[in-house]
PDB file of N, CA and C in Angstrom:
ATOM      1  N   MET A   1       0.768  -1.497  -0.115  1.00  0.00           N
ATOM      2  CA  MET A   1       0.156   0.338   0.371  1.00  0.00           C
ATOM      3  C   MET A   1       0.661   1.035   0.052  1.00  0.00           C
ATOM      4  N   THR A   2       0.649   2.217  -0.490  1.00  0.00           N
ATOM      5  CA  THR A   2       1.213   3.792  -0.689  1.00  0.00           C
ATOM      6  C   THR A   2       0.375   4.797  -0.544  1.00  0.00           C
ATOM      7  N   ALA A   3       0.862   5.300  -0.038  1.00  0.00           N
ATOM      8  CA  ALA A   3       0.381   6.789   0.709  1.00  0.00           C
ATOM      9  C   ALA A   3      -0.296   7.598  -0.495  1.00  0.00           C
ATOM     10  N   GLY A   4      -0.961   8.030  -0.821  1.00  0.00           N
ATOM     11  CA  GLY A   4      -1.766   8.897  -1.868  1.00  0.00           C
ATOM     12  C   GLY A   4      -0.512  10.548  -1.368  1.00  0.00           C
ATOM     13  N   LEU A   5      -0.361  11.019  -2.695  1.00  0.00           N
ATOM     14  CA  LEU A   5       0.441  12.474  -2.447  1.00  0.00           C
ATOM     15  C   LEU A   5      -0.801  13.235  -2.035  1.00  0.00           C
ATOM     16  N   VAL A   6      -0.381  14.393  -1.694  1.00  0.00           N
ATOM     17  CA  VAL A   6      -1.474  15.165  -1.210  1.00  0.00           C
ATOM     18  C   VAL A   6      -2.209  15.605  -2.560  1.00  0.00           C
ATOM     19  N   GLY A   7      -3.791  15.575  -2.248  1.00  0.00           N
ATOM     20  CA  GLY A   7      -5.101  15.513  -2.840  1.00  0.00           C
ATOM     21  C   GLY A   7      -5.355  14.452  -3.987  1.00  0.00           C
ATOM     22  N   THR A   8      -4.251  13.209  -3.479  1.00  0.00           N
ATOM     23  CA  THR A   8      -5.099  11.373  -4.717  1.00  0.00           C
ATOM     24  C   THR A   8      -4.534  11.187  -3.355  1.00  0.00           C
ATOM     25  N   PRO A   9      -5.732   9.704  -3.509  1.00  0.00           N
ATOM     26  CA  PRO A   9      -5.741   8.583  -2.464  1.00  0.00           C
ATOM     27  C   PRO A   9      -4.930   7.957  -2.681  1.00  0.00           C
ATOM     28  N   PRO A  10      -4.877   7.092  -1.065  1.00  0.00           N
ATOM     29  CA  PRO A  10      -4.406   5.934  -1.105  1.00  0.00           C
ATOM     30  C   PRO A  10      -4.288   4.894  -1.865  1.00  0.00           C
ATOM     31  N   THR A  11      -3.132   4.212  -2.399  1.00  0.00           N
ATOM     32  CA  THR A  11      -3.324   2.764  -3.394  1.00  0.00           C
ATOM     33  C   THR A  11      -2.799   1.617  -3.169  1.00  0.00           C
ATOM     34  N   ILE A  12      -3.797   0.259  -3.041  1.00  0.00           N
ATOM     35  CA  ILE A  12      -3.181  -0.916  -3.151  1.00  0.00           C
ATOM     36  C   ILE A  12      -3.205  -1.189  -4.352  1.00  0.00           C
ATOM     37  N   THR A  13      -1.605  -1.433  -4.712  1.00  0.00           N
ATOM     38  CA  THR A  13      -1.334  -2.294  -5.846  1.00  0.00           C
ATOM     39  C   THR A  13      -1.137  -3.959  -5.626  1.00  0.00           C
ATOM     40  N   GLY A  14      -2.129  -4.394  -6.582  1.00  0.00           N
ATOM     41  CA  GLY A  14      -2.464  -5.704  -6.468  1.00  0.00           C
ATOM     42  C   GLY A  14      -3.677  -6.177  -5.521  1.00  0.00           C
ATOM     43  N   ASP A  15      -3.481  -7.242  -5.286  1.00  0.00           N
ATOM     44  CA  ASP A  15      -4.735  -7.975  -4.387  1.00  0.00           C
ATOM     45  C   ASP A  15      -4.595  -7.879  -3.330  1.00  0.00           C
ATOM     46  N   TYR A  16      -5.968  -7.273  -2.131  1.00  0.00           N
ATOM     47  CA  TYR A  16      -5.904  -7.407  -1.122  1.00  0.00           C
ATOM     48  C   TYR A  16      -7.415  -8.070  -0.673  1.00  0.00           C
ATOM     49  N   THR A  17      -6.689  -9.365   0.485  1.00  0.00           N
ATOM     50  CA  THR A  17      -7.840  -9.730   1.267  1.00  0.00           C
ATOM     51  C   THR A  17      -7.508  -9.225   2.734  1.00  0.00           C
ATOM     52  N   GLN A  18      -8.821  -9.291   2.861  1.00  0.00           N
ATOM     53  CA  GLN A  18      -8.539  -9.451   4.959  1.00  0.00           C
ATOM     54  C   GLN A  18      -9.609 -10.022   5.325  1.00  0.00           C
ATOM     55  N   THR A  19      -9.148 -10.744   6.618  1.00  0.00           N
ATOM     56  CA  THR A  19      -9.543 -11.906   7.365  1.00  0.00           C
ATOM     57  C   THR A  19     -10.942 -10.863   7.828  1.00  0.00           C
ATOM     58  N   SER A  20     -12.187 -11.832   8.524  1.00  0.00           N
ATOM     59  CA  SER A  20     -13.321 -11.249   9.239  1.00  0.00           C
ATOM     60  C   SER A  20     -12.817 -10.495  10.597  1.00  0.00           C
ATOM     61  N   THR A  21     -11.457 -10.504  11.094  1.00  0.00           N
ATOM     62  CA  THR A  21     -11.166  -9.695  12.500  1.00  0.00           C
ATOM     63  C   THR A  21     -10.169  -8.875  12.252  1.00  0.00           C
ATOM     64  N   GLY A  22      -9.625  -8.596  10.629  1.00  0.00           N
ATOM     65  CA  GLY A  22      -8.820  -7.570  10.340  1.00  0.00           C
ATOM     66  C   GLY A  22      -9.655  -6.133  10.096  1.00  0.00           C
ATOM     67  N   MET A  23      -8.805  -5.327  10.454  1.00  0.00           N
ATOM     68  CA  MET A  23      -9.813  -3.554  10.107  1.00  0.00           C
ATOM     69  C   MET A  23      -8.413  -3.051   8.973  1.00  0.00           C
ATOM     70  N   LEU A  24      -8.665  -2.288   8.499  1.00  0.00           N
ATOM     71  CA  LEU A  24      -8.129  -1.590   7.519  1.00  0.00           C
ATOM     72  C   LEU A  24      -8.914  -0.008   7.922  1.00  0.00           C
ATOM     73  N   ARG A  25      -7.954   0.923   8.295  1.00  0.00           N
ATOM     74  CA  ARG A  25      -8.162   1.704   8.799  1.00  0.00           C
ATOM     75  C   ARG A  25      -7.399   2.895   7.506  1.00  0.00           C
ATOM     76  N   VAL A  26      -8.391   3.953   6.951  1.00  0.00           N
ATOM     77  CA  VAL A  26      -7.432   5.297   6.383  1.00  0.00           C
ATOM     78  C   VAL A  26      -8.070   6.277   6.542  1.00  0.00           C
ATOM     79  N   LEU A  27      -6.837   6.898   7.565  1.00  0.00           N
ATOM     80  CA  LEU A  27      -6.682   8.500   7.625  1.00  0.00           C
ATOM     81  C   LEU A  27      -7.406   9.057   6.553  1.00  0.00           C
ATOM     82  N   VAL A  28      -8.470   9.836   6.544  1.00  0.00           N
ATOM     83  CA  VAL A  28      -8.420  11.199   5.398  1.00  0.00           C
ATOM     84  C   VAL A  28      -8.327  12.223   6.413  1.00  0.00           C
ATOM     85  N   THR A  29      -8.224  13.515   6.163  1.00  0.00           N
ATOM     86  CA  THR A  29      -7.999  14.828   6.325  1.00  0.00           C
ATOM     87  C   THR A  29      -8.761  15.705   5.677  1.00  0.00           C
ATOM     88  N   PRO A  30      -9.180  16.840   5.473  1.00  0.00           N
ATOM     89  CA  PRO A  30     -10.169  17.548   5.343  1.00  0.00           C
ATOM     90  C   PRO A  30      -9.383  17.897   3.836  1.00  0.00           C
ATOM     91  N   ALA A  31      -8.169  18.142   3.350  1.00  0.00           N
ATOM     92  CA  ALA A  31      -7.889  18.550   1.860  1.00  0.00           C
ATOM     93  C   ALA A  31      -7.384  17.197   1.429  1.00  0.00           C
ATOM     94  N   GLY A  32      -7.624  16.140   2.207  1.00  0.00           N
ATOM     95  CA  GLY A  32      -7.600  14.126   1.710  1.00  0.00           C
ATOM     96  C   GLY A  32      -8.471  13.978   0.319  1.00  0.00           C
ATOM     97  N   MET A  33      -8.295  13.108   0.049  1.00  0.00           N
ATOM     98  CA  MET A  33      -9.345  12.578  -0.613  1.00  0.00           C
ATOM     99  C   MET A  33      -9.975  11.667   0.172  1.00  0.00           C
ATOM    100  N   LYS A  34     -11.418  11.095  -0.107  1.00  0.00           N
ATOM    101  CA  LYS A  34     -12.366  10.250   0.468  1.00  0.00           C
ATOM    102  C   LYS A  34     -12.109   9.060  -0.198  1.00  0.00           C
ATOM    103  N   HIS A  35     -11.431   8.425  -1.174  1.00  0.00           N
ATOM    104  CA  HIS A  35     -11.172   7.029  -1.407  1.00  0.00           C
ATOM    105  C   HIS A  35     -10.090   5.947  -1.150  1.00  0.00           C
ATOM    106  N   LEU A  36     -10.398   5.009  -1.626  1.00  0.00           N
ATOM    107  CA  LEU A  36      -8.786   4.217  -1.418  1.00  0.00           C
ATOM    108  C   LEU A  36      -9.374   3.304  -2.870  1.00  0.00           C
ATOM    109  N   ILE A  37      -7.539   3.723  -3.373  1.00  0.00           N
ATOM    110  CA  ILE A  37      -7.519   2.578  -4.724  1.00  0.00           C
ATOM    111  C   ILE A  37      -7.153   1.411  -4.351  1.00  0.00           C
ATOM    112  N   VAL A  38      -7.678   0.410  -5.172  1.00  0.00           N
ATOM    113  CA  VAL A  38      -7.207  -1.361  -5.493  1.00  0.00           C
ATOM    114  C   VAL A  38      -7.370  -1.311  -6.604  1.00  0.00           C
ATOM    115  N   LEU A  39      -5.469  -1.443  -7.273  1.00  0.00           N
ATOM    116  CA  LEU A  39      -5.299  -2.066  -8.224  1.00  0.00           C
ATOM    117  C   LEU A  39      -5.406  -3.476  -8.576  1.00  0.00           C
ATOM    118  N   GLY A  40      -6.536  -4.070  -8.038  1.00  0.00           N
ATOM    119  CA  GLY A  40      -6.268  -5.592  -8.503  1.00  0.00           C
ATOM    120  C   GLY A  40      -8.008  -6.045  -7.701  1.00  0.00           C
ATOM    121  N   THR A  41      -7.919  -7.112  -7.264  1.00  0.00           N
ATOM    122  CA  THR A  41      -9.475  -7.742  -6.404  1.00  0.00           C
ATOM    123  C   THR A  41      -9.711  -7.299  -4.945  1.00  0.00           C
ATOM    124  N   ALA A  42     -10.322  -6.898  -4.612  1.00  0.00           N
ATOM    125  CA  ALA A  42     -10.238  -6.806  -2.929  1.00  0.00           C
ATOM    126  C   ALA A  42     -11.488  -7.531  -2.620  1.00  0.00           C
ATOM    127  N   HIS A  43     -10.903  -8.311  -1.742  1.00  0.00           N
ATOM    128  CA  HIS A  43     -11.968  -8.954  -0.377  1.00  0.00           C
ATOM    129  C   HIS A  43     -12.200  -8.477   1.205  1.00  0.00           C
ATOM    130  N   LEU A  44     -12.934  -7.792   1.955  1.00  0.00           N
ATOM    131  CA  LEU A  44     -12.594  -7.511   2.604  1.00  0.00           C
ATOM    132  C   LEU A  44     -14.315  -7.918   3.551  1.00  0.00           C
ATOM    133  N   ALA A  45     -13.395  -9.048   4.453  1.00  0.00           N
ATOM    134  CA  ALA A  45     -14.500  -9.489   5.374  1.00  0.00           C
ATOM    135  C   ALA A  45     -14.406  -9.288   6.994  1.00  0.00           C
ATOM    136  N   GLY A  46     -13.453  -7.720   6.990  1.00  0.00           N
ATOM    137  CA  GLY A  46     -13.556  -7.376   7.940  1.00  0.00           C
ATOM    138  C   GLY A  46     -14.288  -5.920   8.426  1.00  0.00           C
ATOM    139  N   THR A  47     -13.414  -4.639   8.960  1.00  0.00           N
ATOM    140  CA  THR A  47     -13.702  -3.328   9.023  1.00  0.00           C
ATOM    141  C   THR A  47     -12.797  -2.847   8.075  1.00  0.00           C
ATOM    142  N   LEU A  48     -13.904  -1.596   7.493  1.00  0.00           N
ATOM    143  CA  LEU A  48     -12.961  -0.770   6.766  1.00  0.00           C
ATOM    144  C   LEU A  48     -13.266   0.767   7.230  1.00  0.00           C
ATOM    145  N   SER A  49     -12.204   1.259   8.061  1.00  0.00           N
ATOM    146  CA  SER A  49     -13.026   2.569   8.547  1.00  0.00           C
ATOM    147  C   SER A  49     -11.882   3.694   8.257  1.00  0.00           C
ATOM    148  N   TYR A  50     -12.603   4.974   7.968  1.00  0.00           N
ATOM    149  CA  TYR A  50     -12.193   5.533   7.482  1.00  0.00           C
ATOM    150  C   TYR A  50     -11.869   6.541   8.746  1.00  0.00           C
ATOM    151  N   VAL A  51     -11.371   7.248   8.810  1.00  0.00           N
ATOM    152  CA  VAL A  51     -10.877   8.044  10.341  1.00  0.00           C
ATOM    153  C   VAL A  51     -10.193   9.302   9.877  1.00  0.00           C
TER     154      VAL A  51
END
């Protein structure tokens, strides 16, 4: 996973799999984007949290 540059969303390159007990937490700032880009397949079984 790479952090986004100012004004661009963070990006996961490749596939992402998260188990039911996993948590992906993405920090969003007022000037930041509110998106997460996955360049592959994402399987989310846990929590995705924007903070």
